[in-house]
Every structure is written in C-alpha cells, then in structure tokens.
C-alpha cells in the first residue's frame, strides 16, 4: 500500500529549515487538521487552499506532489 502524502512529506522535516519544501513539511507537522492519511491530490489541494495559510503559494505543494508521485512509481 502506498504511503500517504503526509508520511512522504515528513521526510523533509528539518529543524533549521531554509528551503520551501522543508518549511512546508515543518508547518504541515504543526497543522493538527492536516489530512494525514490522504493520498488524493484534489483532497489535499482543497484542504491547503482553505487551511494552508503557511504556504506562500500552491506551487510548493505541486512540486512536492510531483516528487511524491515519482517516489510512489519507483
């Protein structure tokens, strides 16, 4: 079974985050409402559109989503 997007994203958590992906991972970790078991783009995108105030833009999510898809295919 595939890992959830959240589980994949957590590998980018870093205490001294300077890049956008690590900052996203750190903030998602602190977001108690984040859909942790989701692996559906539309569900995650909708959630972040309305609740992802910590994302400066949705391109960051799209970039990580592409990494997630590549990882799941390998």
Protein backbone atom coordinates (compact mmCIF):
# COMPACT_ATOMS: atom_id res chain seq x y z
CA UNK A 1 0.00 0.00 0.00
CA UNK A 2 1.23 3.48 -0.86
CA UNK A 3 2.37 5.89 1.82
CA UNK A 4 0.17 8.88 2.45
CA UNK A 5 1.34 12.22 1.12
CA UNK A 6 1.82 13.43 4.70
CA UNK A 7 4.04 10.46 5.53
CA UNK A 8 6.12 11.20 2.42
CA UNK A 9 6.29 14.93 3.24
CA UNK A 10 7.57 14.26 6.76
CA UNK A 11 10.89 13.00 5.42
CA UNK A 12 11.61 16.65 4.52
CA UNK A 13 11.13 17.97 8.08
CA UNK A 14 14.20 19.76 9.32
CA UNK A 15 14.60 21.92 12.43
CA UNK A 16 16.67 24.58 10.67
CA UNK A 17 14.57 24.59 7.51
CA UNK A 18 15.65 27.13 4.92
CA UNK A 19 14.14 25.68 1.75
CA UNK A 20 10.44 25.86 0.85
CA UNK A 21 9.80 22.12 0.99
CA UNK A 22 11.27 21.72 4.47
CA UNK A 23 9.34 24.75 5.71
CA UNK A 24 6.15 23.24 4.25
CA UNK A 25 6.90 19.92 5.98
CA UNK A 26 7.53 21.63 9.31
CA UNK A 27 4.30 23.63 9.09
CA UNK A 28 2.23 20.62 7.98
CA UNK A 29 3.58 18.75 11.01
CA UNK A 30 2.25 21.51 13.26
CA UNK A 31 -1.11 21.61 11.42
CA UNK A 32 -3.26 19.27 13.51
CA UNK A 33 -6.02 19.31 10.89
CA UNK A 34 -3.79 18.22 8.01
CA UNK A 35 -5.30 15.16 6.27
CA UNK A 36 -2.59 12.75 7.36
CA UNK A 37 -3.96 9.66 5.64
CA UNK A 38 -4.82 11.31 2.31
CA UNK A 39 -3.12 10.40 -0.93
CA UNK A 40 -5.58 12.16 -3.25
CA UNK A 41 -4.44 15.35 -4.99
CA UNK A 42 -7.86 17.03 -5.00
CA UNK A 43 -8.48 16.37 -1.31
CA UNK A 44 -5.06 17.69 -0.30
CA UNK A 45 -5.19 20.66 -2.66
CA UNK A 46 -8.63 21.70 -1.40
CA UNK A 47 -7.51 21.41 2.20
CA UNK A 48 -4.43 23.53 1.58
CA UNK A 49 -6.35 26.14 -0.43
CA UNK A 50 -8.55 26.81 2.60
CA UNK A 51 -6.22 25.96 5.51
CA UNK A 52 -2.66 26.20 4.24
CA UNK A 53 -2.05 29.78 5.29
CA UNK A 54 1.56 28.75 5.91
CA UNK A 55 2.12 28.06 2.21
CA UNK A 56 3.19 31.22 0.37
CA UNK A 57 1.86 29.66 -2.86
CA UNK A 58 0.43 26.38 -4.08
CA UNK A 59 3.38 25.77 -6.41
CA UNK A 60 5.26 24.39 -3.41
CA UNK A 61 2.56 21.77 -2.87
CA UNK A 62 2.54 20.95 -6.59
CA UNK A 63 6.32 20.48 -6.58
CA UNK A 64 6.17 18.12 -3.61
CA UNK A 65 3.21 16.30 -5.15
CA UNK A 66 5.35 15.58 -8.24
CA UNK A 67 8.13 14.22 -6.00
CA UNK A 68 5.55 12.09 -4.20
CA UNK A 69 4.26 10.64 -7.49
CA UNK A 70 7.79 9.86 -8.67
CA UNK A 71 8.54 8.14 -5.36
CA UNK A 72 5.36 6.08 -5.49
CA UNK A 73 6.11 4.92 -9.05
CA UNK A 74 9.61 3.71 -8.16
